[in-house]
């Protein structure tokens, strides 16, 4: 309703907005058949290169507002609208080199160095090649002319070479037999596609581990971004995650660095101090144990509620955590078997970092989500993903990252992907942020199968 007028269609609403002086796209069309919808989408796709703005698709909506209200929405994602995504824009350029990055778990990841090329309004100079098998399957060679696109109009990737343009000067790439950073011989486990550097003292792995430790889903230390971590690493100020908590002793040296001032250094040191109070589950995630992400870390923290418990837990103890099987349990045991890791844990504890969860005596208090297993997907109004998962746990439930038949319900918002489809196929109830908040307040019961 606007100015006392009740609209019956979405198009009428837009027409009124245009007459009221609002900027409305003049190319909106109302059609009656799916063939007309398809023709309009194809027309937009054919004209996208000539537009004054970038688009990656078109949105098709039900025009009648009463039908919109009848079909409703999941979270803020309406059931009465669907996005028609165009094929990614591609460009061709020369693959000048193939280089290798080393990740925090030692994985060797090849990437392409390209002649700069514009793709969807962005200059692309590098693109991931994922792993050696993907590179070999595409038969990419240094010197090839290649097709480049941005997956989802975001992530640059090399689609394929143009073998017809080869002149005999192209060179096949071979994965290095030693780590390109530390020189340690690399290996590939039988069940994996990634080659790995086994040297836990590899500088590349250490720097990546520090970046993970300070990241938002881990210790969330504001002011310690990727470039700052790299700078501190190069200066020798931080060569282990525990060194972060010794930075106050180097305050004068930090202030003396180019680009740093007294205020920014003091703010950084305050953020480091505040991070000591992060919950035990966040600390476990920050350690960067292979296969242990943020949600798994929280479930592990529930069964090993302190550093002492983590250091003495057996594989059977760890498997009590929801979602932890033999592979994850073995990874945790391998992590704690390292003398270097044990030394880091002791230094973190000595610095005052939280090394235990709140003590729980007897059964957990009753909550609205007792015995419920909840999956959060998409953008949830009023919560970050971490806050939503924490709210589930605080209400007595289990927050997991994958949908299964044992999932009680899914909280879905805009951007929900494959988890939403799996929930629908399994008949798992799906609710929005408003219903989720009502359940947490005790104003609405947990949904049963068949409810949405």
Protein backbone atom coordinates (compact mmCIF):
# COMPACT_ATOMS: atom_id res chain seq x y z
CA UNK A 1 0.00 0.00 0.00
CA UNK A 2 1.33 3.47 -0.91
CA UNK A 3 -0.45 6.83 -0.66
CA UNK A 4 -3.69 4.99 0.02
CA UNK A 5 -3.30 2.80 -3.09
CA UNK A 6 -3.35 -0.99 -2.83
CA UNK A 7 -1.47 -2.69 -5.65
CA UNK A 8 -2.45 -6.04 -7.11
CA UNK A 9 0.76 -6.70 -9.03
CA UNK A 10 4.48 -6.16 -8.64
CA UNK A 11 4.65 -4.43 -12.02
CA UNK A 12 1.99 -1.92 -10.95
CA UNK A 13 4.05 -1.17 -7.85
CA UNK A 14 7.11 -0.44 -10.00
CA UNK A 15 5.09 1.76 -12.36
CA UNK A 16 3.86 3.84 -9.42
CA UNK A 17 7.41 4.17 -8.07
CA UNK A 18 8.58 5.41 -11.48
CA UNK A 19 5.84 8.07 -11.63
CA UNK A 20 6.76 9.11 -8.06
CA UNK A 21 10.29 9.91 -9.22
CA UNK A 22 12.15 6.78 -8.19
CA UNK A 23 14.66 5.27 -10.61
CA UNK A 24 13.19 2.07 -12.02
CA UNK A 25 14.70 -0.11 -14.73
CA UNK A 26 12.81 0.62 -17.91
CA UNK A 27 13.45 -2.84 -19.39
CA UNK A 28 11.12 -4.72 -17.03
CA UNK A 29 8.62 -6.84 -18.97
CA UNK A 30 5.47 -8.73 -17.99
CA UNK A 31 4.92 -11.96 -19.96
CA UNK A 32 2.42 -14.80 -19.92
CA UNK A 33 4.34 -17.93 -20.96
CA UNK A 34 7.54 -19.74 -20.07
CA UNK A 35 8.67 -19.47 -23.69
CA UNK A 36 8.48 -15.69 -23.38
CA UNK A 37 10.42 -15.83 -20.11
CA UNK A 38 13.16 -17.88 -21.78
CA UNK A 39 13.30 -15.52 -24.77
CA UNK A 40 13.67 -12.47 -22.50
CA UNK A 41 16.45 -14.10 -20.47
CA UNK A 42 18.30 -15.02 -23.66
CA UNK A 43 17.86 -11.45 -24.92
CA UNK A 44 19.41 -10.03 -21.76
CA UNK A 45 22.30 -12.49 -21.99
CA UNK A 46 23.03 -11.52 -25.60
CA UNK A 47 23.07 -7.81 -24.64
CA UNK A 48 25.05 -8.02 -21.39
CA UNK A 49 28.35 -6.95 -23.00
CA UNK A 50 26.72 -3.75 -24.32
CA UNK A 51 25.25 -2.63 -20.99
CA UNK A 52 26.66 0.22 -18.91
CA UNK A 53 26.74 -2.05 -15.87
CA UNK A 54 27.74 -5.65 -15.09
CA UNK A 55 25.08 -8.31 -14.64
CA UNK A 56 25.39 -12.05 -14.06
CA UNK A 57 21.76 -13.01 -14.62
CA UNK A 58 18.11 -12.03 -14.66
CA UNK A 59 15.40 -12.43 -12.02
CA UNK A 60 12.02 -13.90 -12.93
CA UNK A 61 9.18 -13.02 -10.53
CA UNK A 62 5.54 -13.91 -10.11
CA UNK A 63 3.73 -10.64 -10.83
CA UNK A 64 0.54 -11.10 -8.77
CA UNK A 65 1.09 -10.04 -5.17
CA UNK A 66 -1.60 -12.36 -3.78
CA UNK A 67 0.23 -15.33 -5.31
CA UNK A 68 3.51 -14.06 -3.87
CA UNK A 69 1.95 -13.99 -0.42
CA UNK A 70 0.45 -17.45 -0.89
CA UNK A 71 3.71 -19.19 -1.82
CA UNK A 72 5.71 -17.28 0.81
CA UNK A 73 9.45 -17.42 1.39
CA UNK A 74 12.22 -19.32 3.14
CA UNK A 75 13.96 -16.77 5.32
CA UNK A 76 14.41 -13.77 3.08
CA UNK A 77 14.55 -15.95 -0.05
CA UNK A 78 11.16 -15.73 -1.82
CA UNK A 79 9.61 -18.80 -3.41
CA UNK A 80 7.96 -16.54 -5.99
CA UNK A 81 11.24 -15.43 -7.62
CA UNK A 82 14.07 -17.32 -9.28
CA UNK A 83 17.43 -16.19 -10.64
CA UNK A 84 18.38 -17.15 -14.19
CA UNK A 85 22.19 -17.17 -14.10
CA UNK A 86 24.03 -16.44 -17.31
CA UNK A 87 27.01 -18.47 -18.46
CA UNK A 88 30.20 -16.92 -17.03
CA UNK A 89 31.89 -14.32 -19.20
CA UNK A 90 35.09 -15.69 -20.71
CA UNK A 91 38.23 -14.19 -22.20
CA UNK A 92 41.43 -15.56 -23.71
CA UNK A 93 44.98 -14.80 -22.63
CA UNK A 94 48.43 -16.37 -22.40
CA UNK A 95 49.38 -18.75 -19.58
CA UNK A 96 52.85 -17.39 -18.81
CA UNK A 97 53.78 -19.64 -15.90
CA UNK A 98 52.51 -22.22 -13.43
CA UNK A 99 53.63 -21.78 -9.84
CA UNK A 100 52.85 -23.53 -6.58
CA UNK A 101 51.54 -22.25 -3.24
CA UNK A 102 51.94 -24.19 0.00
CA UNK A 103 48.95 -24.14 2.36
CA UNK A 104 48.85 -24.42 6.16
CA UNK A 105 48.36 -28.21 6.02
CA UNK A 106 51.22 -28.58 3.53
CA UNK A 107 49.07 -28.98 0.41
CA UNK A 108 50.82 -27.91 -2.79
CA UNK A 109 48.32 -25.95 -4.90
CA UNK A 110 49.33 -24.92 -8.44
CA UNK A 111 48.17 -21.59 -9.82
CA UNK A 112 48.35 -19.90 -13.21
CA UNK A 113 50.26 -16.68 -13.90
CA UNK A 114 48.45 -14.97 -16.79
CA UNK A 115 48.91 -12.02 -19.07
CA UNK A 116 46.47 -9.46 -17.56
CA UNK A 117 43.00 -9.78 -19.08
CA UNK A 118 39.62 -8.14 -18.35
CA UNK A 119 36.91 -10.60 -17.28
CA UNK A 120 33.54 -9.23 -16.15
CA UNK A 121 35.08 -5.85 -15.42
CA UNK A 122 37.96 -7.21 -13.34
CA UNK A 123 41.62 -7.51 -14.36
CA UNK A 124 42.69 -11.13 -13.88
CA UNK A 125 46.40 -11.92 -13.50
CA UNK A 126 46.29 -15.21 -11.61
CA UNK A 127 43.91 -18.16 -11.34
CA UNK A 128 43.79 -21.31 -9.25
CA UNK A 129 44.50 -24.67 -10.89
CA UNK A 130 43.24 -26.66 -7.85
CA UNK A 131 45.57 -29.68 -8.03
CA UNK A 132 47.91 -31.58 -10.33
CA UNK A 133 45.19 -33.97 -11.53
CA UNK A 134 42.95 -31.09 -12.61
CA UNK A 135 45.87 -29.47 -14.39
CA UNK A 136 46.76 -32.72 -16.20
CA UNK A 137 43.14 -33.43 -17.13
CA UNK A 138 42.89 -30.03 -18.84
CA UNK A 139 46.31 -30.59 -20.50
CA UNK A 140 47.44 -27.06 -19.68
CA UNK A 141 50.92 -26.08 -20.79
CA UNK A 142 53.06 -23.05 -20.06
CA UNK A 143 52.77 -20.72 -23.05
CA UNK A 144 49.26 -21.88 -24.01
CA UNK A 145 46.55 -19.47 -25.04
CA UNK A 146 43.81 -20.31 -22.55
CA UNK A 147 40.16 -19.55 -21.84
CA UNK A 148 39.64 -17.77 -18.52
CA UNK A 149 36.41 -17.16 -16.62
CA UNK A 150 35.35 -16.06 -13.16
CA UNK A 151 33.40 -18.90 -11.55
CA UNK A 152 30.14 -17.43 -10.33
CA UNK A 153 31.54 -14.19 -11.73
CA UNK A 154 33.86 -14.15 -8.70
CA UNK A 155 36.74 -16.66 -8.64
CA UNK A 156 39.15 -16.61 -11.61
CA UNK A 157 39.76 -20.00 -13.16
CA UNK A 158 41.36 -21.42 -16.29
CA UNK A 159 38.71 -23.35 -18.21
CA UNK A 160 40.74 -24.92 -21.02
CA UNK A 161 43.65 -24.39 -23.40
CA UNK A 162 43.30 -23.59 -27.11
CA UNK A 163 45.47 -26.41 -28.51
CA UNK A 164 44.94 -25.20 -32.09
CA UNK A 165 47.04 -22.14 -31.23
CA UNK A 166 50.08 -24.15 -30.11
CA UNK A 167 53.31 -23.58 -32.05
CA UNK A 168 55.57 -26.13 -30.38
CA UNK A 169 57.07 -23.79 -27.79
CA UNK A 170 54.60 -24.74 -25.06
CA UNK A 171 55.98 -26.67 -22.07
CA UNK A 172 54.25 -29.27 -19.90
CA UNK A 173 54.27 -28.56 -16.18
CA UNK A 174 55.62 -31.07 -13.68
CA UNK A 175 54.78 -30.85 -9.99
CA UNK A 176 57.92 -30.25 -7.93
CA UNK A 177 59.35 -33.23 -6.09
CA UNK A 178 60.42 -30.98 -3.23
CA UNK A 179 58.60 -28.19 -1.40
CA UNK A 180 59.15 -24.92 -3.29
CA UNK A 181 59.54 -23.09 0.02
CA UNK A 182 61.59 -25.33 2.34
CA UNK A 183 62.99 -27.96 -0.05
CA UNK A 184 61.59 -30.97 1.81
CA UNK A 185 60.66 -33.95 -0.45
CA UNK A 186 56.90 -33.98 -1.03
CA UNK A 187 54.56 -36.97 -1.12
CA UNK A 188 50.98 -37.78 -2.02
CA UNK A 189 48.89 -40.02 0.24
CA UNK A 190 47.15 -42.83 -1.65
CA UNK A 191 43.65 -41.54 -0.90
CA UNK A 192 44.34 -37.90 -1.85
CA UNK A 193 44.85 -35.81 -4.98
CA UNK A 194 47.06 -33.23 -3.27
CA UNK A 195 50.82 -33.46 -2.97
CA UNK A 196 51.95 -32.35 0.48
CA UNK A 197 55.04 -31.01 2.21
CA UNK A 198 55.43 -33.05 5.43
CA UNK A 199 57.69 -30.47 7.10
CA UNK A 200 55.67 -28.81 9.86
CA UNK A 201 58.47 -26.25 10.20
CA UNK A 202 58.00 -25.13 6.59
CA UNK A 203 57.85 -21.30 6.65
CA UNK A 204 54.88 -21.24 4.25
CA UNK A 205 52.84 -23.56 6.47
CA UNK A 206 53.73 -21.59 9.58
CA UNK A 207 52.70 -18.28 8.03
CA UNK A 208 49.43 -19.75 6.72
CA UNK A 209 48.78 -21.25 10.17
CA UNK A 210 49.28 -17.85 11.80
CA UNK A 211 46.86 -16.26 9.32
CA UNK A 212 44.28 -18.94 10.18
CA UNK A 213 44.84 -18.49 13.93
CA UNK A 214 44.03 -14.77 13.83
CA UNK A 215 41.12 -15.11 11.35
CA UNK A 216 37.56 -14.09 12.15
CA UNK A 217 36.26 -17.63 12.76
CA UNK A 218 39.20 -18.39 15.08
CA UNK A 219 40.80 -15.89 17.49
CA UNK A 220 39.44 -12.91 15.53
CA UNK A 221 42.31 -10.50 16.21
CA UNK A 222 41.45 -7.21 14.54
CA UNK A 223 44.43 -5.52 12.92
CA UNK A 224 46.30 -8.75 12.20
CA UNK A 225 45.38 -9.21 8.56
CA UNK A 226 47.26 -11.18 5.92
CA UNK A 227 49.68 -8.36 5.05
CA UNK A 228 50.44 -7.55 8.68
CA UNK A 229 51.07 -11.22 9.50
CA UNK A 230 53.42 -11.44 6.50
CA UNK A 231 55.26 -8.31 7.67
CA UNK A 232 55.65 -9.56 11.24
CA UNK A 233 56.78 -12.95 9.93
CA UNK A 234 59.43 -11.37 7.71
CA UNK A 235 60.64 -9.20 10.60
CA UNK A 236 60.95 -12.27 12.83
CA UNK A 237 58.41 -10.91 15.32
CA UNK A 238 55.89 -13.76 14.87
CA UNK A 239 57.16 -17.19 13.83
CA UNK A 240 54.68 -19.22 15.90
CA UNK A 241 51.09 -18.47 16.92
CA UNK A 242 52.20 -18.19 20.54
CA UNK A 243 54.55 -15.34 19.54
CA UNK A 244 51.44 -13.19 19.02
CA UNK A 245 51.03 -13.00 22.79
CA UNK A 246 54.61 -11.77 23.21
CA UNK A 247 54.10 -8.75 20.92
CA UNK A 248 53.62 -6.35 23.84
CA UNK A 249 57.28 -6.87 24.72
CA UNK A 250 58.12 -5.59 21.22
CA UNK A 251 55.89 -2.50 21.31
CA UNK A 252 58.71 -0.07 20.53
CA UNK A 253 59.90 -2.22 17.62
CA UNK A 254 56.35 -2.32 16.22
CA UNK A 255 55.97 1.46 16.42
CA UNK A 256 59.29 1.83 14.59
CA UNK A 257 58.03 -0.18 11.58
CA UNK A 258 57.02 1.78 8.48
CA UNK A 259 53.25 2.26 8.36
CA UNK A 260 52.72 1.73 12.09
CA UNK A 261 51.94 4.41 14.65
CA UNK A 262 51.58 4.36 18.42
CA UNK A 263 47.77 4.38 18.30
CA UNK A 264 47.49 1.56 15.76
CA UNK A 265 50.02 -0.56 17.66
CA UNK A 266 48.18 -0.04 20.97
CA UNK A 267 44.87 -0.96 19.31
CA UNK A 268 46.46 -4.12 17.94
CA UNK A 269 47.89 -5.07 21.33
CA UNK A 270 44.46 -4.50 22.92
CA UNK A 271 42.89 -6.81 20.32
CA UNK A 272 45.52 -9.46 21.08
CA UNK A 273 44.73 -9.18 24.79
CA UNK A 274 40.99 -9.45 24.14
CA UNK A 275 41.50 -12.62 22.08
CA UNK A 276 42.70 -14.46 25.19
CA UNK A 277 39.06 -14.66 26.26
CA UNK A 278 37.82 -16.47 23.16
CA UNK A 279 35.87 -19.65 24.01
CA UNK A 280 37.73 -22.97 24.16
CA UNK A 281 36.02 -24.21 20.99
CA UNK A 282 37.33 -21.19 19.06
CA UNK A 283 40.83 -21.91 20.36
CA UNK A 284 40.64 -25.51 19.09
CA UNK A 285 39.57 -24.22 15.68
CA UNK A 286 42.41 -21.68 15.70
CA UNK A 287 45.00 -24.43 16.15
CA UNK A 288 44.46 -25.40 12.52
CA UNK A 289 44.23 -29.14 13.11
CA UNK A 290 43.58 -30.82 9.79
CA UNK A 291 39.91 -31.77 9.19
CA UNK A 292 38.82 -29.75 12.27
CA UNK A 293 36.75 -26.73 11.24
CA UNK A 294 34.76 -24.33 13.39
CA UNK A 295 31.71 -26.54 13.98
CA UNK A 296 33.75 -29.70 14.61
CA UNK A 297 35.94 -27.73 17.02
CA UNK A 298 32.86 -26.83 19.09
CA UNK A 299 31.73 -30.46 19.29
CA UNK A 300 35.25 -31.56 20.26
CA UNK A 301 35.33 -28.89 22.98
CA UNK A 302 32.17 -30.38 24.45
CA UNK A 303 33.78 -33.81 25.00
CA UNK A 304 37.32 -32.59 25.82
CA UNK A 305 36.51 -29.46 27.87
CA UNK A 306 40.10 -28.51 28.73
CA UNK A 307 43.68 -28.64 27.48
CA UNK A 308 44.44 -31.46 29.92
CA UNK A 309 41.49 -33.43 28.55
CA UNK A 310 42.65 -32.80 24.98
CA UNK A 311 46.15 -34.05 25.79
CA UNK A 312 44.91 -37.28 27.39
CA UNK A 313 41.86 -38.09 25.23
CA UNK A 314 41.83 -41.40 23.38
CA UNK A 315 40.44 -41.96 19.90
CA UNK A 316 37.33 -43.41 21.55
CA UNK A 317 36.92 -40.30 23.72
CA UNK A 318 37.17 -38.00 20.70
CA UNK A 319 34.69 -40.12 18.73
CA UNK A 320 32.07 -39.23 21.32
CA UNK A 321 31.94 -35.78 19.69
CA UNK A 322 29.19 -35.38 17.11
CA UNK A 323 30.63 -35.70 13.61
CA UNK A 324 34.04 -36.98 14.72
CA UNK A 325 35.04 -40.29 13.16
CA UNK A 326 38.32 -42.20 12.90
CA UNK A 327 39.90 -39.79 10.39
CA UNK A 328 39.30 -36.65 12.46
CA UNK A 329 40.22 -38.39 15.71
CA UNK A 330 43.49 -39.59 14.16
CA UNK A 331 44.23 -36.07 12.93
CA UNK A 332 43.80 -34.65 16.46
CA UNK A 333 46.02 -37.36 17.94
CA UNK A 334 48.66 -36.68 15.29
CA UNK A 335 48.57 -32.96 16.09
CA UNK A 336 49.15 -33.49 19.80
CA UNK A 337 51.95 -36.02 19.17
CA UNK A 338 54.17 -33.19 17.89
CA UNK A 339 56.61 -31.76 20.46
CA UNK A 340 56.44 -28.40 18.67
CA UNK A 341 52.64 -28.33 18.94
CA UNK A 342 52.79 -29.26 22.63
CA UNK A 343 55.24 -26.43 23.24
CA UNK A 344 52.89 -24.00 21.47
CA UNK A 345 49.93 -25.16 23.57
CA UNK A 346 51.91 -24.66 26.78
CA UNK A 347 52.97 -21.16 25.72
CA UNK A 348 49.36 -20.25 24.86
CA UNK A 349 48.22 -21.48 28.27
CA UNK A 350 51.02 -19.56 30.01
CA UNK A 351 49.99 -16.39 28.13
CA UNK A 352 46.50 -16.65 29.58
CA UNK A 353 44.60 -17.90 26.54
CA UNK A 354 41.39 -19.74 27.46
CA UNK A 355 42.22 -23.44 27.64
CA UNK A 356 38.96 -24.83 28.99
CA UNK A 357 35.25 -24.48 28.59
CA UNK A 358 32.81 -23.54 31.35
CA UNK A 359 32.65 -26.30 33.95
CA UNK A 360 29.44 -28.30 33.71
CA UNK A 361 28.23 -30.33 36.67
CA UNK A 362 25.51 -32.85 35.98
CA UNK A 363 23.27 -32.82 32.90
CA UNK A 364 23.06 -29.66 30.79
CA UNK A 365 20.27 -27.25 31.69
CA UNK A 366 17.01 -27.71 29.85
CA UNK A 367 16.68 -25.56 26.77
CA UNK A 368 14.28 -25.13 23.87
CA UNK A 369 16.61 -27.09 21.56
CA UNK A 370 17.46 -30.01 23.86
CA UNK A 371 18.34 -33.08 21.74
CA UNK A 372 17.84 -31.08 18.51
CA UNK A 373 20.41 -31.19 15.70
CA UNK A 374 20.39 -27.95 13.72
CA UNK A 375 22.05 -26.85 10.48
CA UNK A 376 22.40 -23.13 9.70
CA UNK A 377 22.84 -22.14 6.04
CA UNK A 378 22.79 -18.86 4.15
CA UNK A 379 22.63 -15.38 5.69
CA UNK A 380 20.54 -15.33 8.88
CA UNK A 381 19.07 -11.94 9.75
CA UNK A 382 20.34 -10.78 13.12
CA UNK A 383 23.12 -13.35 13.43
CA UNK A 384 26.53 -14.09 12.04
CA UNK A 385 27.03 -17.80 11.28
CA UNK A 386 29.11 -18.21 14.46
CA UNK A 387 26.46 -16.43 16.56
CA UNK A 388 23.67 -18.61 15.17
CA UNK A 389 25.60 -21.81 15.89
CA UNK A 390 26.47 -20.55 19.37
CA UNK A 391 22.79 -19.80 20.00
CA UNK A 392 21.90 -23.37 19.04
CA UNK A 393 24.45 -24.78 21.49
CA UNK A 394 23.40 -22.37 24.25
CA UNK A 395 19.80 -23.52 23.82
CA UNK A 396 20.80 -27.15 24.35
CA UNK A 397 21.08 -28.21 20.71
CA UNK A 398 23.84 -29.47 18.44
CA UNK A 399 25.04 -27.27 15.56
CA UNK A 400 26.32 -29.30 12.63
CA UNK A 401 27.56 -28.40 9.18
CA UNK A 402 25.82 -31.05 7.08
CA UNK A 403 22.23 -32.14 6.55
CA UNK A 404 21.28 -35.77 7.22
CA UNK A 405 18.24 -37.80 8.24
CA UNK A 406 19.11 -37.07 11.86
CA UNK A 407 18.89 -33.29 11.34
CA UNK A 408 15.98 -31.85 13.33
CA UNK A 409 15.59 -28.70 11.23
CA UNK A 410 17.49 -26.29 9.00
CA UNK A 411 17.64 -22.52 9.53
CA UNK A 412 17.91 -21.03 6.03
CA UNK A 413 18.44 -17.54 4.69
CA UNK A 414 19.51 -15.88 1.44
CA UNK A 415 22.47 -17.61 -0.14
CA UNK A 416 21.45 -21.05 1.12
CA UNK A 417 22.88 -23.59 -1.31
CA UNK A 418 22.92 -27.36 -1.66
CA UNK A 419 22.07 -27.91 2.01
CA UNK A 420 18.63 -26.45 1.35
CA UNK A 421 17.98 -28.87 -1.51
CA UNK A 422 19.15 -31.84 0.55
CA UNK A 423 16.90 -30.83 3.44
CA UNK A 424 13.91 -30.64 1.10
CA UNK A 425 14.70 -34.06 -0.40
CA UNK A 426 14.95 -35.63 3.07
CA UNK A 427 11.83 -33.93 4.38
CA UNK A 428 13.79 -32.00 7.02
CA UNK A 429 11.86 -28.92 8.24
CA UNK A 430 13.21 -25.57 7.01
CA UNK A 431 12.61 -22.37 8.96
CA UNK A 432 13.64 -18.73 8.60
CA UNK A 433 15.45 -16.38 10.99
CA UNK A 434 12.21 -15.09 12.55
CA UNK A 435 11.00 -18.60 13.41
CA UNK A 436 14.47 -19.48 14.72
CA UNK A 437 14.44 -16.50 17.07
CA UNK A 438 10.94 -17.42 18.27
CA UNK A 439 12.07 -20.98 19.08
CA UNK A 440 15.06 -19.66 21.04
CA UNK A 441 12.69 -17.41 23.04
CA UNK A 442 10.46 -20.40 23.78
CA UNK A 443 7.56 -18.82 21.88
CA UNK A 444 7.38 -21.53 19.22
CA UNK A 445 7.92 -25.30 19.37
CA UNK A 446 10.64 -27.11 17.44
CA UNK A 447 9.15 -27.99 14.02
CA UNK A 448 8.13 -31.55 13.29
CA UNK A 449 8.71 -33.39 10.03
CA UNK A 450 6.37 -32.07 7.36
CA UNK A 451 6.36 -28.54 8.81
CA UNK A 452 8.09 -25.47 7.31
